[in-house]
N, C-alpha and C. Protein backbone atom coordinates (compact mmCIF):
# COMPACT_ATOMS: atom_id res chain seq x y z
N UNK A 1 0.91 -1.17 0.15
CA UNK A 1 0.07 0.04 -0.10
C UNK A 1 0.92 1.32 -0.01
N UNK A 2 0.63 2.14 -0.87
CA UNK A 2 1.38 3.63 -0.87
C UNK A 2 0.62 4.55 -0.07
N UNK A 3 1.56 5.27 0.61
CA UNK A 3 1.03 6.37 1.38
C UNK A 3 1.68 7.71 1.06
N UNK A 4 1.07 8.65 0.78
CA UNK A 4 1.51 9.94 0.49
C UNK A 4 1.50 10.84 1.86
N UNK A 5 2.78 11.32 2.23
CA UNK A 5 2.68 12.34 3.40
C UNK A 5 2.85 13.68 2.80
N UNK A 6 2.25 14.61 3.41
CA UNK A 6 2.29 15.99 2.98
C UNK A 6 2.65 16.94 4.08
N UNK A 7 3.69 17.88 3.79
CA UNK A 7 3.91 18.91 4.88
C UNK A 7 3.58 20.22 4.38
N UNK A 8 2.34 20.72 4.60
CA UNK A 8 1.54 21.76 3.93
C UNK A 8 2.31 23.10 4.25
N UNK A 9 2.04 24.05 3.30
CA UNK A 9 2.57 25.53 3.35
C UNK A 9 2.05 26.21 2.34
N UNK A 10 2.23 27.47 2.12
CA UNK A 10 1.98 28.22 1.00
C UNK A 10 3.07 28.78 0.16
N UNK A 11 4.26 28.35 0.37
CA UNK A 11 5.34 28.65 -0.36
C UNK A 11 6.09 27.31 -0.75
N UNK A 12 6.34 26.58 0.12
CA UNK A 12 7.01 25.31 -0.06
C UNK A 12 6.15 24.18 0.62
N UNK A 13 5.85 23.08 -0.11
CA UNK A 13 5.00 21.93 0.24
C UNK A 13 5.81 20.66 0.00
N UNK A 14 6.24 20.02 1.16
CA UNK A 14 6.89 18.82 1.08
C UNK A 14 5.93 17.66 0.78
N UNK A 15 6.31 16.82 0.01
CA UNK A 15 5.52 15.46 -0.23
C UNK A 15 6.59 14.35 -0.14
N UNK A 16 6.10 13.24 0.16
CA UNK A 16 6.82 12.01 0.30
C UNK A 16 5.90 10.72 0.10
N UNK A 17 6.30 9.93 -0.69
CA UNK A 17 5.40 8.58 -0.94
C UNK A 17 6.28 7.44 -0.56
N UNK A 18 5.91 6.62 0.32
CA UNK A 18 6.43 5.36 0.60
C UNK A 18 5.39 4.25 0.33
N UNK A 19 6.00 3.05 0.43
CA UNK A 19 5.18 1.84 0.13
C UNK A 19 5.38 0.72 1.09
N UNK A 20 4.13 0.51 1.81
CA UNK A 20 4.19 -0.50 2.89
C UNK A 20 4.32 -2.12 1.87
N UNK A 21 5.24 -2.81 1.99
CA UNK A 21 5.30 -4.07 1.37
C UNK A 21 5.42 -5.24 2.43
N UNK A 22 4.23 -5.71 2.71
CA UNK A 22 4.26 -6.76 3.84
C UNK A 22 4.71 -5.97 5.15
N UNK A 23 5.81 -6.50 5.75
CA UNK A 23 6.35 -5.81 6.95
C UNK A 23 7.73 -4.68 6.57
N UNK A 24 7.78 -4.32 5.48
CA UNK A 24 8.92 -3.37 5.11
C UNK A 24 8.34 -2.16 4.55
N UNK A 25 9.21 -1.05 4.54
CA UNK A 25 8.79 0.21 3.98
C UNK A 25 9.74 0.47 2.91
N UNK A 26 9.28 1.02 1.66
CA UNK A 26 9.98 1.38 0.52
C UNK A 26 9.86 2.76 0.20
N UNK A 27 10.88 3.63 -0.12
CA UNK A 27 10.86 4.80 -0.51
C UNK A 27 10.33 4.75 -2.02
N UNK A 28 9.35 5.74 -2.51
CA UNK A 28 8.92 5.78 -3.85
C UNK A 28 9.54 7.05 -4.35
N UNK A 29 9.03 8.21 -3.82
CA UNK A 29 9.64 9.50 -4.24
C UNK A 29 9.31 10.50 -3.21
N UNK A 30 9.85 11.58 -3.53
CA UNK A 30 9.71 12.73 -2.43
C UNK A 30 10.16 13.97 -3.14
N UNK A 31 9.83 15.02 -2.51
CA UNK A 31 10.42 16.50 -3.14
C UNK A 31 9.67 17.54 -2.30
N UNK A 32 9.85 18.76 -2.96
CA UNK A 32 9.41 19.93 -2.44
C UNK A 32 8.65 20.85 -3.65
N UNK A 33 7.40 20.94 -3.50
CA UNK A 33 6.84 21.91 -4.56
C UNK A 33 6.93 23.35 -4.08
N UNK A 34 7.62 24.10 -4.96
CA UNK A 34 7.95 25.48 -4.58
C UNK A 34 7.06 26.49 -5.37
N UNK A 35 6.25 26.96 -4.72
CA UNK A 35 5.27 27.95 -5.30
C UNK A 35 6.00 29.30 -5.36
N UNK A 36 5.60 30.10 -6.46
CA UNK A 36 6.42 31.32 -6.63
C UNK A 36 5.29 32.55 -6.88
N UNK A 37 5.69 33.88 -6.51
CA UNK A 37 4.74 34.94 -6.94
C UNK A 37 4.28 35.55 -5.55
N UNK A 38 3.75 36.63 -5.62
CA UNK A 38 3.25 37.23 -4.46
C UNK A 38 1.70 37.06 -4.13
N UNK A 39 1.09 36.68 -5.19
CA UNK A 39 -0.33 36.41 -5.05
C UNK A 39 -0.70 35.00 -4.51
N UNK A 40 -1.13 35.12 -3.20
CA UNK A 40 -1.40 33.90 -2.49
C UNK A 40 -2.29 32.83 -3.35
N UNK A 41 -3.36 33.27 -3.89
CA UNK A 41 -4.38 32.48 -4.64
C UNK A 41 -3.50 31.76 -5.76
N UNK A 42 -2.71 32.46 -6.48
CA UNK A 42 -1.94 31.90 -7.52
C UNK A 42 -0.84 30.78 -6.94
N UNK A 43 -0.18 30.90 -5.86
CA UNK A 43 0.73 30.06 -5.26
C UNK A 43 -0.18 28.75 -4.93
N UNK A 44 -1.48 29.08 -4.25
CA UNK A 44 -2.15 27.82 -3.88
C UNK A 44 -2.57 27.08 -5.20
N UNK A 45 -2.79 27.76 -6.25
CA UNK A 45 -3.09 26.89 -7.57
C UNK A 45 -1.93 26.16 -7.95
N UNK A 46 -0.80 26.71 -7.84
CA UNK A 46 0.59 26.10 -8.18
C UNK A 46 0.64 24.79 -7.37
N UNK A 47 0.35 24.95 -5.97
CA UNK A 47 0.63 23.85 -5.03
C UNK A 47 -0.46 22.62 -5.37
N UNK A 48 -1.67 23.06 -5.76
CA UNK A 48 -2.68 22.04 -6.08
C UNK A 48 -2.26 21.25 -7.31
N UNK A 49 -1.88 22.11 -8.35
CA UNK A 49 -1.39 21.38 -9.58
C UNK A 49 -0.31 20.48 -9.26
N UNK A 50 0.77 20.88 -8.54
CA UNK A 50 1.77 19.96 -8.18
C UNK A 50 1.34 18.71 -7.61
N UNK A 51 0.63 18.83 -6.42
CA UNK A 51 0.15 17.87 -5.68
C UNK A 51 -0.70 16.79 -6.62
N UNK A 52 -1.45 17.40 -7.45
CA UNK A 52 -2.26 16.39 -8.17
C UNK A 52 -1.58 15.73 -9.13
N UNK A 53 -0.45 16.26 -9.63
CA UNK A 53 0.57 15.54 -10.54
C UNK A 53 1.05 14.49 -9.98
N UNK A 54 1.61 14.69 -8.60
CA UNK A 54 2.39 13.68 -8.00
C UNK A 54 1.29 12.49 -7.62
N UNK A 55 0.19 12.81 -7.11
CA UNK A 55 -0.89 11.84 -6.92
C UNK A 55 -1.19 11.00 -8.08
N UNK A 56 -1.53 11.75 -9.05
CA UNK A 56 -1.89 11.04 -10.49
C UNK A 56 -0.91 10.10 -10.90
N UNK A 57 0.49 10.40 -10.83
CA UNK A 57 1.52 9.63 -11.26
C UNK A 57 1.84 8.44 -10.34
N UNK A 58 1.86 8.70 -9.12
CA UNK A 58 2.43 7.56 -8.08
C UNK A 58 1.20 6.74 -7.46
N UNK A 59 -0.09 7.31 -7.60
CA UNK A 59 -1.25 6.55 -7.05
C UNK A 59 -1.17 6.07 -5.79
N UNK A 60 -1.00 6.95 -4.80
CA UNK A 60 -1.08 6.59 -3.24
C UNK A 60 -2.55 6.14 -2.87
N UNK A 61 -2.44 5.28 -1.97
CA UNK A 61 -3.87 4.64 -1.50
C UNK A 61 -4.37 5.51 -0.36
N UNK A 62 -3.66 6.02 0.45
CA UNK A 62 -3.92 6.76 1.75
C UNK A 62 -2.98 8.15 1.74
N UNK A 63 -3.50 9.16 2.56
CA UNK A 63 -2.67 10.16 2.85
C UNK A 63 -2.49 10.61 4.32
N UNK A 64 -1.47 11.16 4.57
CA UNK A 64 -1.23 11.81 5.91
C UNK A 64 -0.94 13.20 5.79
N UNK A 65 -1.56 14.25 6.32
CA UNK A 65 -1.15 15.52 6.22
C UNK A 65 -0.95 16.16 7.70
N UNK A 66 0.06 17.02 7.93
CA UNK A 66 0.17 17.55 9.05
C UNK A 66 -0.92 18.51 9.52
N UNK A 67 -1.31 18.56 10.57
CA UNK A 67 -2.45 19.29 11.44
C UNK A 67 -1.74 20.63 11.69
N UNK A 68 -2.61 21.64 11.70
CA UNK A 68 -2.22 23.02 12.01
C UNK A 68 -1.95 22.97 13.46
N UNK A 69 -0.77 23.70 13.97
CA UNK A 69 -0.11 23.67 15.19
C UNK A 69 -0.11 25.36 15.38
N UNK A 70 -0.90 25.82 16.08
CA UNK A 70 -0.87 27.31 16.24
C UNK A 70 0.45 27.77 17.05
N UNK A 71 0.72 27.16 18.05
CA UNK A 71 1.88 27.65 18.77
C UNK A 71 1.86 29.23 19.21
N UNK A 72 2.87 29.88 18.99
CA UNK A 72 2.84 31.24 19.36
C UNK A 72 2.74 32.26 18.14
N UNK A 73 2.73 31.65 17.03
CA UNK A 73 2.58 32.47 15.80
C UNK A 73 1.21 32.14 14.89
N UNK A 74 0.45 33.11 15.13
CA UNK A 74 -0.99 32.79 14.33
C UNK A 74 -0.74 32.97 12.91
N UNK A 75 0.25 33.92 12.44
CA UNK A 75 0.40 33.98 10.92
C UNK A 75 0.74 32.71 10.31
N UNK A 76 1.76 32.08 10.95
CA UNK A 76 2.26 30.75 10.47
C UNK A 76 1.09 29.73 10.37
N UNK A 77 0.29 29.67 11.52
CA UNK A 77 -0.78 28.76 11.74
C UNK A 77 -1.89 29.01 10.50
N UNK A 78 -2.22 30.35 10.13
CA UNK A 78 -3.12 30.54 9.21
C UNK A 78 -2.42 30.09 7.76
N UNK A 79 -1.27 30.36 7.54
CA UNK A 79 -0.57 29.92 6.33
C UNK A 79 -0.62 28.34 5.99
N UNK A 80 -0.30 27.68 7.17
CA UNK A 80 -0.20 26.21 7.16
C UNK A 80 -1.54 25.89 6.92
N UNK A 81 -2.56 26.52 7.59
CA UNK A 81 -4.16 26.14 7.34
C UNK A 81 -4.49 26.28 5.99
N UNK A 82 -3.98 27.36 5.22
CA UNK A 82 -4.58 27.60 3.87
C UNK A 82 -3.78 26.49 3.14
N UNK A 83 -2.59 26.09 3.37
CA UNK A 83 -1.90 25.13 2.46
C UNK A 83 -2.42 23.72 2.77
N UNK A 84 -2.89 23.42 4.02
CA UNK A 84 -3.49 22.18 4.46
C UNK A 84 -4.80 21.94 3.53
N UNK A 85 -5.60 23.17 3.43
CA UNK A 85 -6.81 23.11 2.74
C UNK A 85 -6.57 22.75 1.37
N UNK A 86 -5.53 23.18 0.70
CA UNK A 86 -5.26 22.72 -0.74
C UNK A 86 -4.80 21.42 -0.71
N UNK A 87 -3.96 20.92 0.21
CA UNK A 87 -3.55 19.40 0.34
C UNK A 87 -4.76 18.56 0.43
N UNK A 88 -5.67 18.85 1.37
CA UNK A 88 -6.88 18.02 1.68
C UNK A 88 -7.67 18.08 0.29
N UNK A 89 -7.83 19.25 -0.26
CA UNK A 89 -8.57 19.13 -1.65
C UNK A 89 -8.11 18.30 -2.61
N UNK A 90 -6.52 18.31 -2.79
CA UNK A 90 -6.00 17.52 -3.78
C UNK A 90 -6.06 16.05 -3.53
N UNK A 91 -5.91 15.49 -2.30
CA UNK A 91 -6.29 14.07 -1.92
C UNK A 91 -7.67 13.77 -2.09
N UNK A 92 -8.49 14.56 -1.67
CA UNK A 92 -9.95 14.32 -1.85
C UNK A 92 -10.49 14.13 -3.37
N UNK A 93 -9.82 14.93 -4.22
CA UNK A 93 -10.21 14.68 -5.50
C UNK A 93 -9.91 13.38 -6.09
N UNK A 94 -9.05 12.69 -5.42
CA UNK A 94 -8.61 11.24 -5.88
C UNK A 94 -9.18 10.29 -4.93
N UNK A 95 -10.07 10.80 -4.09
CA UNK A 95 -10.89 9.83 -3.22
C UNK A 95 -10.11 8.97 -2.02
N UNK A 96 -8.83 9.80 -1.84
CA UNK A 96 -7.93 9.26 -0.74
C UNK A 96 -8.51 9.32 0.68
N UNK A 97 -8.38 8.33 1.42
CA UNK A 97 -8.65 8.65 2.98
C UNK A 97 -7.58 9.27 3.41
N UNK A 98 -7.72 10.37 4.27
CA UNK A 98 -6.63 11.27 4.88
C UNK A 98 -6.75 11.12 6.42
N UNK A 99 -5.54 11.09 7.05
CA UNK A 99 -5.45 11.34 8.38
C UNK A 99 -4.61 12.57 8.85
N UNK A 100 -4.74 13.28 9.71
CA UNK A 100 -4.01 14.33 10.25
C UNK A 100 -3.26 13.94 11.37
N UNK A 101 -2.00 14.60 11.39
CA UNK A 101 -1.09 14.16 12.47
C UNK A 101 -0.42 15.42 12.88
N UNK A 102 -0.23 15.65 14.34
CA UNK A 102 0.42 16.86 14.93
C UNK A 102 1.94 16.57 14.70
N UNK A 103 2.76 17.55 14.49
CA UNK A 103 4.28 17.23 14.42
C UNK A 103 4.71 16.66 15.66
N UNK A 104 4.34 16.82 16.90
CA UNK A 104 4.97 15.86 17.95
C UNK A 104 4.64 14.56 18.03
N UNK A 105 3.41 14.09 17.27
CA UNK A 105 3.00 12.70 17.20
C UNK A 105 3.91 12.07 16.04
N UNK A 106 4.17 12.76 15.03
CA UNK A 106 5.12 12.30 13.91
C UNK A 106 6.62 12.09 14.40
N UNK A 107 6.91 13.18 15.25
CA UNK A 107 8.31 13.06 15.76
C UNK A 107 8.53 11.86 16.74
N UNK A 108 7.46 11.58 17.40
CA UNK A 108 7.65 10.47 18.38
C UNK A 108 7.47 9.09 17.56
N UNK A 109 6.69 9.00 16.58
CA UNK A 109 6.55 7.78 15.73
C UNK A 109 7.81 7.53 14.98
N UNK A 110 8.63 8.63 14.74
CA UNK A 110 9.92 8.45 13.93
C UNK A 110 11.09 8.25 14.61
N UNK A 111 11.14 9.16 15.63
CA UNK A 111 12.44 9.09 16.53
C UNK A 111 12.27 8.63 17.80
N UNK A 112 11.00 8.29 18.33
CA UNK A 112 10.78 8.03 19.81
C UNK A 112 10.82 9.23 20.76
N UNK A 113 10.91 10.35 20.11
CA UNK A 113 10.91 11.61 21.05
C UNK A 113 10.00 12.74 20.23
N UNK A 114 9.13 13.21 21.04
CA UNK A 114 8.24 14.16 20.52
C UNK A 114 8.95 15.57 20.48
N UNK A 115 10.13 15.64 20.84
CA UNK A 115 10.92 16.89 20.75
C UNK A 115 12.27 16.85 19.87
N UNK A 116 12.13 15.85 18.96
CA UNK A 116 13.28 15.66 18.09
C UNK A 116 13.36 16.97 17.26
N UNK A 117 14.68 17.23 16.89
CA UNK A 117 15.08 18.39 16.10
C UNK A 117 15.02 17.98 14.55
N UNK A 118 15.17 18.82 13.76
CA UNK A 118 15.03 18.66 12.28
C UNK A 118 16.15 17.64 11.74
N UNK A 119 17.27 18.01 12.31
CA UNK A 119 18.48 16.99 11.81
C UNK A 119 18.28 15.47 12.26
N UNK A 120 17.80 15.33 13.39
CA UNK A 120 17.54 14.01 14.01
C UNK A 120 16.34 13.27 13.11
N UNK A 121 15.39 14.19 12.76
CA UNK A 121 14.25 13.70 11.95
C UNK A 121 14.82 13.21 10.54
N UNK A 122 15.67 14.03 9.91
CA UNK A 122 16.18 13.78 8.66
C UNK A 122 16.93 12.46 8.76
N UNK A 123 17.92 12.32 9.87
CA UNK A 123 18.54 11.17 9.98
C UNK A 123 17.68 9.95 9.96
N UNK A 124 16.77 10.04 10.86
CA UNK A 124 15.85 8.76 11.01
C UNK A 124 15.12 8.49 9.78
N UNK A 125 14.57 9.44 9.01
CA UNK A 125 13.87 9.12 7.82
C UNK A 125 14.84 8.46 6.86
N UNK A 126 16.23 8.83 6.90
CA UNK A 126 17.07 8.29 5.93
C UNK A 126 17.39 6.77 6.42
N UNK A 127 17.44 6.58 7.78
CA UNK A 127 17.60 5.07 8.30
C UNK A 127 16.49 4.32 7.90
N UNK A 128 15.34 4.74 8.33
CA UNK A 128 14.01 3.93 8.14
C UNK A 128 13.76 3.47 6.73
N UNK A 129 14.19 4.36 5.77
CA UNK A 129 13.69 4.23 4.45
C UNK A 129 14.89 3.74 3.67
N UNK A 130 16.13 3.48 4.33
CA UNK A 130 17.32 3.04 3.71
C UNK A 130 17.72 4.00 2.49
N UNK A 131 17.63 5.17 2.75
CA UNK A 131 18.16 6.23 1.62
C UNK A 131 19.43 6.30 1.51
N UNK A 132 19.89 6.60 0.29
CA UNK A 132 21.53 6.58 0.29
C UNK A 132 22.06 8.00 0.80
N UNK A 133 21.08 9.01 0.86
CA UNK A 133 21.39 10.30 1.54
C UNK A 133 20.34 10.93 2.10
N UNK A 134 20.54 11.99 2.90
CA UNK A 134 19.47 12.61 3.49
C UNK A 134 18.42 13.24 2.47
N UNK A 135 17.22 13.26 2.99
CA UNK A 135 16.20 13.98 2.04
C UNK A 135 16.75 15.49 1.82
N UNK A 136 16.48 15.83 0.49
CA UNK A 136 17.08 17.14 0.19
C UNK A 136 16.54 18.40 0.95
N UNK A 137 15.39 18.46 1.41
CA UNK A 137 14.76 19.52 2.25
C UNK A 137 14.06 18.86 3.45
N UNK A 138 14.12 19.88 4.43
CA UNK A 138 13.30 19.54 5.64
C UNK A 138 11.84 19.43 5.35
N UNK A 139 11.41 20.08 4.26
CA UNK A 139 9.85 19.81 3.87
C UNK A 139 9.79 18.37 3.33
N UNK A 140 10.56 17.95 2.48
CA UNK A 140 10.58 16.64 2.05
C UNK A 140 10.71 15.44 3.31
N UNK A 141 11.71 15.77 4.18
CA UNK A 141 11.90 15.00 5.26
C UNK A 141 10.51 15.02 6.16
N UNK A 142 10.14 16.16 6.47
CA UNK A 142 8.80 16.15 7.18
C UNK A 142 7.69 15.32 6.51
N UNK A 143 7.61 15.50 5.13
CA UNK A 143 6.61 14.67 4.43
C UNK A 143 6.71 13.14 4.53
N UNK A 144 7.93 12.72 4.35
CA UNK A 144 8.44 11.33 4.40
C UNK A 144 8.15 10.79 5.94
N UNK A 145 8.32 11.56 6.85
CA UNK A 145 8.15 11.25 8.41
C UNK A 145 6.65 11.21 8.59
N UNK A 146 5.96 12.10 7.88
CA UNK A 146 4.41 11.90 8.08
C UNK A 146 4.02 10.50 7.42
N UNK A 147 4.57 10.20 6.39
CA UNK A 147 4.03 8.87 5.78
C UNK A 147 4.52 7.70 6.74
N UNK A 148 5.82 7.90 7.30
CA UNK A 148 6.17 6.71 8.10
C UNK A 148 5.27 6.66 9.23
N UNK A 149 4.85 7.83 9.89
CA UNK A 149 4.08 7.83 11.14
C UNK A 149 2.58 7.15 10.89
N UNK A 150 2.16 7.36 9.57
CA UNK A 150 0.97 6.85 9.12
C UNK A 150 1.09 5.28 9.11
N UNK A 151 2.31 4.80 8.40
CA UNK A 151 2.59 3.36 8.36
C UNK A 151 2.66 2.85 9.71
N UNK A 152 3.04 3.43 10.64
CA UNK A 152 3.22 2.81 12.00
C UNK A 152 1.90 2.67 12.48
N UNK A 153 1.09 3.60 12.31
CA UNK A 153 -0.47 3.57 12.76
C UNK A 153 -1.17 2.30 12.16
N UNK A 154 -0.80 2.07 10.80
CA UNK A 154 -1.35 0.94 10.33
C UNK A 154 -0.88 -0.39 10.67
N UNK A 155 0.49 -0.49 11.15
CA UNK A 155 1.05 -1.44 11.90
C UNK A 155 0.34 -1.89 13.30
N UNK A 156 0.11 -0.77 13.89
CA UNK A 156 -0.66 -1.06 15.19
C UNK A 156 -1.99 -1.56 15.00
N UNK A 157 -2.73 -1.11 13.92
CA UNK A 157 -4.08 -1.65 13.54
C UNK A 157 -3.86 -3.18 13.17
N UNK A 158 -2.99 -3.39 12.44
CA UNK A 158 -2.72 -4.93 12.11
C UNK A 158 -2.52 -5.61 13.47
N UNK A 159 -1.62 -5.06 14.28
CA UNK A 159 -1.33 -5.86 15.58
C UNK A 159 -2.58 -6.10 16.37
N UNK A 160 -3.46 -5.05 16.29
CA UNK A 160 -4.73 -5.29 17.17
C UNK A 160 -5.61 -6.47 16.62
N UNK A 161 -5.26 -6.78 15.35
CA UNK A 161 -5.97 -7.93 14.66
C UNK A 161 -5.21 -9.14 14.85
N UNK A 162 -4.11 -9.07 15.65
CA UNK A 162 -3.47 -10.36 15.99
C UNK A 162 -2.28 -10.60 15.02
N UNK A 163 -1.85 -9.70 14.00
CA UNK A 163 -0.88 -9.83 13.09
C UNK A 163 0.48 -9.06 13.72
N UNK A 164 1.53 -9.81 13.56
CA UNK A 164 2.73 -9.05 14.15
C UNK A 164 3.46 -8.66 12.71
N UNK A 165 3.68 -7.13 12.76
CA UNK A 165 4.40 -6.56 11.69
C UNK A 165 5.56 -5.78 12.15
N UNK A 166 6.38 -5.27 11.32
CA UNK A 166 7.72 -4.47 11.46
C UNK A 166 7.95 -3.60 10.27
N UNK A 167 8.80 -2.70 10.42
CA UNK A 167 9.34 -1.95 9.24
C UNK A 167 10.45 -2.47 8.65
N UNK A 168 10.88 -3.69 9.24
CA UNK A 168 11.93 -4.23 8.54
C UNK A 168 11.40 -5.77 8.01
N UNK A 169 12.16 -6.13 7.03
CA UNK A 169 11.62 -7.53 6.47
C UNK A 169 12.31 -8.62 7.37
N UNK A 170 11.97 -9.77 6.96
CA UNK A 170 12.38 -11.02 7.85
C UNK A 170 13.81 -11.17 8.14
N UNK A 171 14.77 -10.63 7.43
CA UNK A 171 16.15 -10.56 7.79
C UNK A 171 16.51 -9.54 8.60
N UNK A 172 15.53 -8.54 8.85
CA UNK A 172 15.98 -7.38 9.71
C UNK A 172 16.40 -6.13 8.86
N UNK A 173 16.35 -6.35 7.42
CA UNK A 173 17.03 -5.38 6.44
C UNK A 173 15.71 -4.37 5.99
N UNK A 174 16.21 -3.36 5.50
CA UNK A 174 15.30 -2.48 4.78
C UNK A 174 14.98 -3.01 3.35
N UNK A 175 13.93 -2.72 2.88
CA UNK A 175 13.45 -3.12 1.61
C UNK A 175 13.46 -1.89 0.71
N UNK A 176 14.11 -2.10 -0.50
CA UNK A 176 13.93 -0.84 -1.54
C UNK A 176 14.97 0.17 -1.18
N UNK A 177 14.61 1.48 -1.08
CA UNK A 177 15.37 2.64 -0.74
C UNK A 177 16.03 3.18 -1.99
N UNK A 178 15.63 2.96 -3.11
CA UNK A 178 16.04 3.62 -4.28
C UNK A 178 15.16 4.74 -4.63
N UNK A 179 15.75 5.75 -5.16
CA UNK A 179 15.01 6.90 -5.57
C UNK A 179 14.25 6.70 -7.01
N UNK A 180 13.04 6.69 -7.13
CA UNK A 180 12.33 6.32 -8.22
C UNK A 180 11.95 7.64 -9.15
N UNK A 181 11.81 8.76 -8.49
CA UNK A 181 11.72 9.99 -9.24
C UNK A 181 11.76 11.25 -8.34
N UNK A 182 11.87 12.40 -8.92
CA UNK A 182 12.03 13.56 -8.12
C UNK A 182 11.22 14.58 -8.76
N UNK A 183 10.30 15.20 -8.09
CA UNK A 183 9.56 16.08 -8.50
C UNK A 183 9.92 17.61 -7.74
N UNK A 184 9.61 18.85 -8.32
CA UNK A 184 9.49 19.88 -7.70
C UNK A 184 10.52 20.98 -8.22
C-alpha cells in the first residue's frame, strides 16, 4: 500500500510517498513543490497542480497531512491552514482517505521523541527508508516522516487484529530505498 505524506505550506510543500510491502517500508518518491509569486491564490493553484500531478503519477492509496499547530505564531498557523486546505482538496479529488497528524506525534513515531530536532528527523527518515542520502529539504523529510508515522499507525491496526508486523523485512533489513523519481 502506498502512502503520501504532505507537509503543507503556502510557499513550500513537502511530499513523500512510501510503500508498505508486507512488513517493510520502501521509498517511492519525495520532493518539495515550490510556489512562486506574491499572489497567495496563484501560489495555492501551483501547489494544487503540483500535488495532483504527484498523486496521479504515483497513485497512493492513503494520505497523511500535518495538522495545524498554532503555537505562538498565528500568521504561521493561518498559512499552514491555507496550505493544508489545498492538500486536503488535492487528495480528496482522488478519493484518498486522509489522516491528520500533529508534528509531535510524527516526531515520536519516527524518533521515539516528540521533541526531536530537524536533523534528527532527517537522519531517522534516511535510516528507516534506507535512503543513500538525507532528504534534500526539511519539507521533504517532514512529509516522508508523516508517511512513516501513518505506516506505524497501520502496523498498530494490524497488531490489534493479531498480526505481527515490523518496518524491517524477515532478515531485519530495509526493503527498497532507491529513488524512483524527483519532482519539484
